[in-house]
Amino acid sequence: MFRAVVLIAAVVLAADQATKYWAESALSDGQTITVLGELLQLRLVYNPGAAFSIGTAYTWIFAVFAAVAVVAVTVVARRVTSRPWAVALGLVLGGAATHLLDRLFREPGFARGHVVDFIDYAGFFVGNVADIALVVGVGIVMLLNVRDVPLRDTAGETREQVSSDS
């Protein structure tokens, strides 16, 4: 399942970085593209802070948090044998990894980079594909915890043990 986690994370990372590249080229002149009236628009914003631009003076701390999240999710993901957990952790890992890359390598400098946001949700906040992956991944994690779904699929292990014992 670890390969599935990594594959999902890689897809999230690639999709997020590709859409950010598009946003920077298509929206860099201050243009706004209306998708669903006032509810959903595309506009380019560089965010030095966290969600809702909180903590804009502490960008380097968000780089540290993202790095810790990437390491922690990777460690947990190595033990996962459950498909739902693999999906959830892949989404979280991909979102955290792409945010870490933004913090490390985007302007204004190393560990102070601003995250590229471009999906404007009715003026409430502006996000990106990584944010969507993080929210969905964390939502799945919460659901799996509430439903008491284990990280390790014991039924899957039993099948594997039976087939390897034969």
N, C-alpha and C. Protein backbone atom coordinates (compact mmCIF):
# COMPACT_ATOMS: atom_id res chain seq x y z
N MET A 1 0.81 -1.20 0.00
CA MET A 1 0.00 0.00 0.00
C MET A 1 0.85 1.27 0.00
N PHE A 2 2.09 1.15 0.46
CA PHE A 2 2.94 2.35 0.49
C PHE A 2 3.13 2.92 -0.92
N ARG A 3 3.24 2.04 -1.90
CA ARG A 3 3.37 2.51 -3.28
C ARG A 3 2.13 3.30 -3.70
N ALA A 4 0.95 2.85 -3.27
CA ALA A 4 -0.28 3.56 -3.60
C ALA A 4 -0.27 4.95 -2.96
N VAL A 5 0.18 5.04 -1.72
CA VAL A 5 0.27 6.33 -1.03
C VAL A 5 1.18 7.27 -1.83
N VAL A 6 2.34 6.77 -2.20
CA VAL A 6 3.32 7.58 -2.94
C VAL A 6 2.76 7.98 -4.31
N LEU A 7 2.10 7.06 -4.99
CA LEU A 7 1.52 7.36 -6.30
C LEU A 7 0.45 8.44 -6.19
N ILE A 8 -0.44 8.32 -5.23
CA ILE A 8 -1.48 9.34 -5.03
C ILE A 8 -0.84 10.68 -4.70
N ALA A 9 0.15 10.67 -3.83
CA ALA A 9 0.86 11.91 -3.47
C ALA A 9 1.52 12.53 -4.69
N ALA A 10 2.13 11.71 -5.53
CA ALA A 10 2.79 12.22 -6.74
C ALA A 10 1.78 12.84 -7.70
N VAL A 11 0.61 12.22 -7.82
CA VAL A 11 -0.44 12.77 -8.70
C VAL A 11 -0.91 14.12 -8.17
N VAL A 12 -1.13 14.20 -6.86
CA VAL A 12 -1.55 15.47 -6.24
C VAL A 12 -0.48 16.54 -6.47
N LEU A 13 0.77 16.19 -6.22
CA LEU A 13 1.87 17.13 -6.39
C LEU A 13 1.94 17.62 -7.83
N ALA A 14 1.87 16.70 -8.78
CA ALA A 14 1.95 17.08 -10.20
C ALA A 14 0.77 17.95 -10.61
N ALA A 15 -0.42 17.57 -10.20
CA ALA A 15 -1.62 18.35 -10.56
C ALA A 15 -1.56 19.73 -9.94
N ASP A 16 -1.14 19.81 -8.68
CA ASP A 16 -1.06 21.10 -8.01
C ASP A 16 -0.03 22.01 -8.68
N GLN A 17 1.16 21.49 -8.91
CA GLN A 17 2.20 22.32 -9.52
C GLN A 17 1.85 22.72 -10.95
N ALA A 18 1.22 21.82 -11.70
CA ALA A 18 0.82 22.14 -13.08
C ALA A 18 -0.26 23.24 -13.09
N THR A 19 -1.22 23.13 -12.18
CA THR A 19 -2.27 24.16 -12.15
C THR A 19 -1.73 25.49 -11.64
N LYS A 20 -0.76 25.45 -10.76
CA LYS A 20 -0.13 26.70 -10.31
C LYS A 20 0.65 27.35 -11.45
N TYR A 21 1.34 26.53 -12.22
CA TYR A 21 2.05 27.04 -13.39
C TYR A 21 1.07 27.71 -14.34
N TRP A 22 -0.06 27.03 -14.61
CA TRP A 22 -1.09 27.61 -15.48
C TRP A 22 -1.59 28.92 -14.89
N ALA A 23 -1.91 28.94 -13.61
CA ALA A 23 -2.45 30.14 -12.97
C ALA A 23 -1.48 31.30 -13.08
N GLU A 24 -0.20 31.04 -12.87
CA GLU A 24 0.79 32.12 -12.96
C GLU A 24 0.90 32.66 -14.38
N SER A 25 0.72 31.81 -15.37
CA SER A 25 0.81 32.29 -16.75
C SER A 25 -0.49 32.93 -17.23
N ALA A 26 -1.63 32.42 -16.80
CA ALA A 26 -2.91 32.92 -17.32
C ALA A 26 -3.50 34.05 -16.49
N LEU A 27 -3.13 34.15 -15.21
CA LEU A 27 -3.77 35.12 -14.33
C LEU A 27 -2.80 36.17 -13.77
N SER A 28 -1.57 36.18 -14.26
CA SER A 28 -0.55 37.05 -13.68
C SER A 28 -0.81 38.54 -13.91
N ASP A 29 -1.64 38.87 -14.86
CA ASP A 29 -1.92 40.29 -15.13
C ASP A 29 -3.09 40.83 -14.31
N GLY A 30 -3.48 40.11 -13.27
CA GLY A 30 -4.59 40.54 -12.43
C GLY A 30 -5.96 40.12 -12.95
N GLN A 31 -5.96 39.33 -14.00
CA GLN A 31 -7.20 38.86 -14.59
C GLN A 31 -7.94 37.93 -13.63
N THR A 32 -9.27 38.01 -13.64
CA THR A 32 -10.13 37.10 -12.89
C THR A 32 -11.00 36.36 -13.89
N ILE A 33 -11.09 35.04 -13.73
CA ILE A 33 -11.94 34.22 -14.59
C ILE A 33 -13.12 33.75 -13.75
N THR A 34 -14.32 34.08 -14.19
CA THR A 34 -15.52 33.66 -13.49
C THR A 34 -15.87 32.24 -13.91
N VAL A 35 -16.05 31.36 -12.92
CA VAL A 35 -16.41 29.98 -13.18
C VAL A 35 -17.89 29.75 -12.85
N LEU A 36 -18.30 30.15 -11.65
CA LEU A 36 -19.69 30.05 -11.21
C LEU A 36 -20.13 31.37 -10.56
N GLY A 37 -20.27 32.39 -11.38
CA GLY A 37 -20.67 33.70 -10.87
C GLY A 37 -19.74 34.18 -9.77
N GLU A 38 -20.32 34.65 -8.68
CA GLU A 38 -19.53 35.13 -7.54
C GLU A 38 -19.08 33.98 -6.64
N LEU A 39 -19.65 32.78 -6.84
CA LEU A 39 -19.33 31.65 -5.97
C LEU A 39 -17.95 31.06 -6.20
N LEU A 40 -17.52 31.02 -7.44
CA LEU A 40 -16.22 30.41 -7.75
C LEU A 40 -15.56 31.18 -8.88
N GLN A 41 -14.39 31.72 -8.58
CA GLN A 41 -13.63 32.47 -9.56
C GLN A 41 -12.17 32.03 -9.49
N LEU A 42 -11.43 32.33 -10.53
CA LEU A 42 -10.00 32.06 -10.55
C LEU A 42 -9.27 33.40 -10.56
N ARG A 43 -8.41 33.58 -9.57
CA ARG A 43 -7.58 34.79 -9.49
C ARG A 43 -6.31 34.45 -8.72
N LEU A 44 -5.21 35.03 -9.15
CA LEU A 44 -3.90 34.69 -8.62
C LEU A 44 -3.59 35.47 -7.35
N VAL A 45 -3.16 34.72 -6.32
CA VAL A 45 -2.76 35.31 -5.04
C VAL A 45 -1.52 34.56 -4.56
N TYR A 46 -0.55 35.28 -4.03
CA TYR A 46 0.62 34.66 -3.41
C TYR A 46 0.45 34.77 -1.91
N ASN A 47 0.36 33.62 -1.23
CA ASN A 47 0.03 33.59 0.19
C ASN A 47 1.27 33.24 1.03
N PRO A 48 1.76 34.20 1.82
CA PRO A 48 2.89 33.91 2.69
C PRO A 48 2.49 33.21 3.98
N GLY A 49 1.19 33.17 4.28
CA GLY A 49 0.71 32.61 5.54
C GLY A 49 0.07 31.25 5.37
N ALA A 50 -0.74 30.91 6.36
CA ALA A 50 -1.49 29.65 6.33
C ALA A 50 -2.88 29.95 5.79
N ALA A 51 -3.83 29.08 6.12
CA ALA A 51 -5.20 29.27 5.67
C ALA A 51 -5.70 30.65 6.09
N PHE A 52 -6.43 31.28 5.20
CA PHE A 52 -6.97 32.62 5.43
C PHE A 52 -5.87 33.65 5.66
N SER A 53 -4.65 33.37 5.15
CA SER A 53 -3.49 34.25 5.27
C SER A 53 -3.10 34.53 6.72
N ILE A 54 -3.36 33.57 7.59
CA ILE A 54 -2.98 33.70 9.00
C ILE A 54 -1.47 33.52 9.13
N GLY A 55 -0.83 34.34 9.95
CA GLY A 55 0.57 34.19 10.26
C GLY A 55 1.52 34.54 9.13
N THR A 56 1.21 35.60 8.40
CA THR A 56 2.03 35.96 7.24
C THR A 56 3.48 36.31 7.60
N ALA A 57 3.73 36.65 8.83
CA ALA A 57 5.10 36.98 9.25
C ALA A 57 5.90 35.74 9.64
N TYR A 58 5.26 34.58 9.64
CA TYR A 58 5.91 33.35 10.11
C TYR A 58 5.99 32.29 9.03
N THR A 59 6.27 32.70 7.81
CA THR A 59 6.30 31.77 6.69
C THR A 59 7.26 30.62 6.93
N TRP A 60 8.42 30.87 7.52
CA TRP A 60 9.40 29.81 7.76
C TRP A 60 8.86 28.74 8.69
N ILE A 61 7.98 29.12 9.63
CA ILE A 61 7.38 28.14 10.54
C ILE A 61 6.48 27.19 9.76
N PHE A 62 5.76 27.72 8.76
CA PHE A 62 4.90 26.86 7.95
C PHE A 62 5.73 25.89 7.11
N ALA A 63 6.93 26.30 6.72
CA ALA A 63 7.83 25.39 6.01
C ALA A 63 8.24 24.24 6.94
N VAL A 64 8.53 24.56 8.19
CA VAL A 64 8.90 23.53 9.17
C VAL A 64 7.72 22.59 9.41
N PHE A 65 6.53 23.14 9.62
CA PHE A 65 5.33 22.31 9.83
C PHE A 65 5.09 21.39 8.64
N ALA A 66 5.23 21.91 7.43
CA ALA A 66 5.02 21.09 6.24
C ALA A 66 6.05 19.97 6.17
N ALA A 67 7.30 20.27 6.51
CA ALA A 67 8.34 19.23 6.49
C ALA A 67 8.05 18.15 7.53
N VAL A 68 7.64 18.56 8.71
CA VAL A 68 7.29 17.60 9.77
C VAL A 68 6.11 16.75 9.32
N ALA A 69 5.11 17.37 8.70
CA ALA A 69 3.94 16.62 8.22
C ALA A 69 4.34 15.60 7.16
N VAL A 70 5.20 15.98 6.24
CA VAL A 70 5.65 15.06 5.19
C VAL A 70 6.36 13.86 5.82
N VAL A 71 7.24 14.10 6.76
CA VAL A 71 7.97 13.01 7.41
C VAL A 71 7.01 12.13 8.21
N ALA A 72 6.14 12.74 9.00
CA ALA A 72 5.22 11.97 9.85
C ALA A 72 4.27 11.11 9.01
N VAL A 73 3.70 11.68 7.96
CA VAL A 73 2.77 10.92 7.11
C VAL A 73 3.52 9.79 6.40
N THR A 74 4.73 10.05 5.97
CA THR A 74 5.53 9.01 5.31
C THR A 74 5.80 7.85 6.27
N VAL A 75 6.14 8.15 7.50
CA VAL A 75 6.41 7.10 8.49
C VAL A 75 5.15 6.27 8.73
N VAL A 76 4.02 6.93 8.94
CA VAL A 76 2.76 6.22 9.18
C VAL A 76 2.37 5.42 7.94
N ALA A 77 2.55 6.00 6.77
CA ALA A 77 2.13 5.35 5.52
C ALA A 77 2.88 4.04 5.26
N ARG A 78 4.06 3.90 5.80
CA ARG A 78 4.83 2.67 5.59
C ARG A 78 4.16 1.47 6.27
N ARG A 79 3.31 1.73 7.27
CA ARG A 79 2.64 0.64 7.99
C ARG A 79 1.24 0.35 7.47
N VAL A 80 0.75 1.15 6.57
CA VAL A 80 -0.64 1.04 6.11
C VAL A 80 -0.82 -0.13 5.15
N THR A 81 -1.86 -0.91 5.40
CA THR A 81 -2.26 -1.95 4.46
C THR A 81 -3.72 -1.78 4.05
N SER A 82 -4.38 -0.79 4.59
CA SER A 82 -5.79 -0.50 4.30
C SER A 82 -5.89 0.48 3.12
N ARG A 83 -6.70 0.13 2.12
CA ARG A 83 -6.85 1.01 0.95
C ARG A 83 -7.40 2.39 1.31
N PRO A 84 -8.46 2.48 2.13
CA PRO A 84 -8.97 3.82 2.47
C PRO A 84 -7.91 4.68 3.16
N TRP A 85 -7.12 4.08 4.04
CA TRP A 85 -6.05 4.83 4.69
C TRP A 85 -4.97 5.23 3.69
N ALA A 86 -4.68 4.38 2.74
CA ALA A 86 -3.69 4.70 1.71
C ALA A 86 -4.14 5.92 0.90
N VAL A 87 -5.41 5.95 0.54
CA VAL A 87 -5.95 7.10 -0.21
C VAL A 87 -5.85 8.37 0.64
N ALA A 88 -6.32 8.29 1.87
CA ALA A 88 -6.31 9.46 2.75
C ALA A 88 -4.89 9.99 2.95
N LEU A 89 -3.98 9.10 3.27
CA LEU A 89 -2.60 9.53 3.53
C LEU A 89 -1.90 9.99 2.26
N GLY A 90 -2.24 9.41 1.12
CA GLY A 90 -1.68 9.88 -0.15
C GLY A 90 -2.11 11.31 -0.45
N LEU A 91 -3.38 11.62 -0.20
CA LEU A 91 -3.87 12.98 -0.42
C LEU A 91 -3.19 13.97 0.53
N VAL A 92 -3.08 13.59 1.80
CA VAL A 92 -2.43 14.48 2.77
C VAL A 92 -0.95 14.65 2.44
N LEU A 93 -0.27 13.56 2.13
CA LEU A 93 1.15 13.63 1.79
C LEU A 93 1.38 14.49 0.56
N GLY A 94 0.57 14.31 -0.47
CA GLY A 94 0.72 15.11 -1.68
C GLY A 94 0.50 16.59 -1.42
N GLY A 95 -0.55 16.91 -0.66
CA GLY A 95 -0.81 18.32 -0.35
C GLY A 95 0.28 18.95 0.49
N ALA A 96 0.74 18.23 1.49
CA ALA A 96 1.81 18.75 2.35
C ALA A 96 3.12 18.89 1.58
N ALA A 97 3.43 17.92 0.74
CA ALA A 97 4.68 17.96 -0.02
C ALA A 97 4.71 19.13 -1.00
N THR A 98 3.61 19.37 -1.69
CA THR A 98 3.61 20.47 -2.66
C THR A 98 3.62 21.82 -1.95
N HIS A 99 3.00 21.92 -0.78
CA HIS A 99 3.11 23.17 -0.02
C HIS A 99 4.54 23.36 0.47
N LEU A 100 5.19 22.27 0.88
CA LEU A 100 6.58 22.36 1.30
C LEU A 100 7.46 22.85 0.15
N LEU A 101 7.26 22.32 -1.04
CA LEU A 101 8.04 22.77 -2.20
C LEU A 101 7.84 24.26 -2.45
N ASP A 102 6.59 24.73 -2.34
CA ASP A 102 6.34 26.16 -2.50
C ASP A 102 7.11 26.97 -1.46
N ARG A 103 7.04 26.54 -0.21
CA ARG A 103 7.72 27.27 0.87
C ARG A 103 9.24 27.27 0.67
N LEU A 104 9.77 26.18 0.16
CA LEU A 104 11.23 26.09 0.01
C LEU A 104 11.75 26.81 -1.22
N PHE A 105 11.02 26.76 -2.34
CA PHE A 105 11.63 27.18 -3.60
C PHE A 105 10.97 28.36 -4.30
N ARG A 106 9.90 28.88 -3.80
CA ARG A 106 9.27 30.03 -4.45
C ARG A 106 9.76 31.32 -3.80
N GLU A 107 9.51 32.41 -4.50
CA GLU A 107 9.87 33.73 -3.98
C GLU A 107 9.09 34.02 -2.71
N PRO A 108 9.67 34.72 -1.76
CA PRO A 108 10.86 35.56 -1.87
C PRO A 108 12.16 34.85 -1.52
N GLY A 109 12.13 33.57 -1.13
CA GLY A 109 13.39 32.89 -0.87
C GLY A 109 13.19 31.59 -0.12
N PHE A 110 14.29 30.87 0.07
CA PHE A 110 14.27 29.56 0.68
C PHE A 110 13.62 29.59 2.07
N ALA A 111 12.65 28.69 2.27
CA ALA A 111 11.89 28.54 3.51
C ALA A 111 11.02 29.75 3.82
N ARG A 112 10.91 30.68 2.88
CA ARG A 112 10.04 31.85 3.05
C ARG A 112 9.12 32.02 1.85
N GLY A 113 9.08 31.00 0.99
CA GLY A 113 8.30 31.08 -0.24
C GLY A 113 6.81 31.20 0.01
N HIS A 114 6.16 31.87 -0.91
CA HIS A 114 4.72 32.06 -0.84
C HIS A 114 4.01 30.99 -1.64
N VAL A 115 2.91 30.48 -1.10
CA VAL A 115 2.12 29.47 -1.79
C VAL A 115 1.27 30.15 -2.85
N VAL A 116 1.21 29.56 -4.03
CA VAL A 116 0.39 30.09 -5.12
C VAL A 116 -1.04 29.59 -4.94
N ASP A 117 -1.95 30.53 -4.74
CA ASP A 117 -3.38 30.23 -4.62
C ASP A 117 -4.11 30.87 -5.78
N PHE A 118 -5.16 30.23 -6.27
CA PHE A 118 -5.87 30.80 -7.41
C PHE A 118 -7.35 30.43 -7.50
N ILE A 119 -7.84 29.57 -6.62
CA ILE A 119 -9.26 29.21 -6.64
C ILE A 119 -9.96 30.02 -5.56
N ASP A 120 -10.75 31.01 -5.99
CA ASP A 120 -11.41 31.93 -5.08
C ASP A 120 -12.83 31.43 -4.79
N TYR A 121 -13.06 31.08 -3.53
CA TYR A 121 -14.34 30.56 -3.09
C TYR A 121 -15.20 31.71 -2.53
N ALA A 122 -15.91 32.37 -3.42
CA ALA A 122 -16.86 33.44 -3.05
C ALA A 122 -16.23 34.53 -2.20
N GLY A 123 -14.95 34.78 -2.39
CA GLY A 123 -14.28 35.81 -1.62
C GLY A 123 -13.98 35.40 -0.19
N PHE A 124 -14.38 34.19 0.20
CA PHE A 124 -14.15 33.70 1.56
C PHE A 124 -12.69 33.36 1.77
N PHE A 125 -12.13 32.63 0.82
CA PHE A 125 -10.69 32.36 0.82
C PHE A 125 -10.28 31.92 -0.58
N VAL A 126 -8.97 31.96 -0.82
CA VAL A 126 -8.41 31.56 -2.11
C VAL A 126 -7.47 30.39 -1.84
N GLY A 127 -7.64 29.30 -2.59
CA GLY A 127 -6.84 28.11 -2.36
C GLY A 127 -6.27 27.55 -3.64
N ASN A 128 -5.90 26.28 -3.59
CA ASN A 128 -5.30 25.60 -4.74
C ASN A 128 -5.64 24.11 -4.67
N VAL A 129 -5.12 23.34 -5.60
CA VAL A 129 -5.40 21.91 -5.67
C VAL A 129 -4.87 21.19 -4.43
N ALA A 130 -3.71 21.58 -3.92
CA ALA A 130 -3.16 20.96 -2.72
C ALA A 130 -4.09 21.15 -1.53
N ASP A 131 -4.69 22.32 -1.43
CA ASP A 131 -5.64 22.57 -0.33
C ASP A 131 -6.84 21.62 -0.42
N ILE A 132 -7.33 21.40 -1.63
CA ILE A 132 -8.45 20.48 -1.83
C ILE A 132 -8.04 19.07 -1.39
N ALA A 133 -6.85 18.64 -1.81
CA ALA A 133 -6.36 17.30 -1.43
C ALA A 133 -6.22 17.19 0.08
N LEU A 134 -5.68 18.23 0.71
CA LEU A 134 -5.52 18.20 2.17
C LEU A 134 -6.86 18.12 2.89
N VAL A 135 -7.81 18.93 2.48
CA VAL A 135 -9.13 18.92 3.13
C VAL A 135 -9.82 17.57 2.95
N VAL A 136 -9.80 17.05 1.73
CA VAL A 136 -10.43 15.75 1.47
C VAL A 136 -9.68 14.65 2.24
N GLY A 137 -8.35 14.67 2.20
CA GLY A 137 -7.56 13.65 2.91
C GLY A 137 -7.80 13.68 4.41
N VAL A 138 -7.79 14.85 5.00
CA VAL A 138 -8.03 14.97 6.44
C VAL A 138 -9.47 14.56 6.77
N GLY A 139 -10.41 14.91 5.89
CA GLY A 139 -11.80 14.49 6.09
C GLY A 139 -11.93 12.98 6.11
N ILE A 140 -11.22 12.31 5.19
CA ILE A 140 -11.25 10.84 5.16
C ILE A 140 -10.59 10.28 6.42
N VAL A 141 -9.48 10.87 6.85
CA VAL A 141 -8.82 10.42 8.08
C VAL A 141 -9.79 10.52 9.26
N MET A 142 -10.49 11.64 9.36
CA MET A 142 -11.46 11.80 10.45
C MET A 142 -12.56 10.75 10.38
N LEU A 143 -13.08 10.51 9.18
CA LEU A 143 -14.13 9.51 8.99
C LEU A 143 -13.62 8.11 9.35
N LEU A 144 -12.41 7.78 8.92
CA LEU A 144 -11.84 6.47 9.24
C LEU A 144 -11.64 6.30 10.74
N ASN A 145 -11.23 7.38 11.41
CA ASN A 145 -11.07 7.33 12.86
C ASN A 145 -12.40 7.15 13.57
N VAL A 146 -13.42 7.90 13.14
CA VAL A 146 -14.74 7.81 13.74
C VAL A 146 -15.31 6.40 13.55
N ARG A 147 -15.06 5.83 12.38
CA ARG A 147 -15.56 4.48 12.08
C ARG A 147 -14.63 3.40 12.62
N ASP A 148 -13.54 3.80 13.27
CA ASP A 148 -12.59 2.89 13.88
C ASP A 148 -11.98 1.91 12.87
N VAL A 149 -11.66 2.43 11.68
CA VAL A 149 -11.02 1.61 10.64
C VAL A 149 -9.52 1.58 10.93
N PRO A 150 -8.96 0.39 11.08
CA PRO A 150 -7.52 0.29 11.40
C PRO A 150 -6.64 0.62 10.19
N LEU A 151 -5.43 1.06 10.49
CA LEU A 151 -4.44 1.34 9.44
C LEU A 151 -4.08 0.07 8.68
N ARG A 152 -4.09 -1.02 9.38
CA ARG A 152 -3.72 -2.30 8.79
C ARG A 152 -4.97 -3.12 8.55
N ASP A 153 -5.12 -3.57 7.32
CA ASP A 153 -6.25 -4.40 6.92
C ASP A 153 -5.95 -5.83 7.36
N THR A 154 -6.50 -6.22 8.51
CA THR A 154 -6.19 -7.55 9.05
C THR A 154 -6.72 -8.66 8.15
N ALA A 155 -7.84 -8.41 7.47
CA ALA A 155 -8.36 -9.42 6.54
C ALA A 155 -7.38 -9.61 5.39
N GLY A 156 -6.80 -8.52 4.91
CA GLY A 156 -5.82 -8.58 3.83
C GLY A 156 -4.57 -9.32 4.26
N GLU A 157 -4.14 -9.09 5.52
CA GLU A 157 -2.96 -9.79 6.03
C GLU A 157 -3.23 -11.27 6.13
N THR A 158 -4.43 -11.63 6.59
CA THR A 158 -4.77 -13.04 6.73
C THR A 158 -4.73 -13.73 5.36
N ARG A 159 -5.30 -13.08 4.33
CA ARG A 159 -5.27 -13.64 2.99
C ARG A 159 -3.83 -13.80 2.51
N GLU A 160 -2.99 -12.78 2.77
CA GLU A 160 -1.60 -12.86 2.34
C GLU A 160 -0.86 -13.98 3.07
N GLN A 161 -1.12 -14.11 4.38
CA GLN A 161 -0.45 -15.16 5.15
C GLN A 161 -0.88 -16.54 4.66
N VAL A 162 -2.17 -16.69 4.38
CA VAL A 162 -2.67 -17.98 3.90
C VAL A 162 -2.04 -18.33 2.56
N SER A 163 -1.97 -17.34 1.65
CA SER A 163 -1.39 -17.63 0.33
C SER A 163 0.10 -17.88 0.41
N SER A 164 0.79 -17.21 1.34
CA SER A 164 2.24 -17.43 1.46
C SER A 164 2.53 -18.74 2.19
N ASP A 165 1.60 -19.19 3.04
CA ASP A 165 1.78 -20.45 3.75
C ASP A 165 1.54 -21.67 2.84
N SER A 166 0.82 -21.44 1.74
CA SER A 166 0.48 -22.57 0.86
C SER A 166 1.65 -23.02 0.05
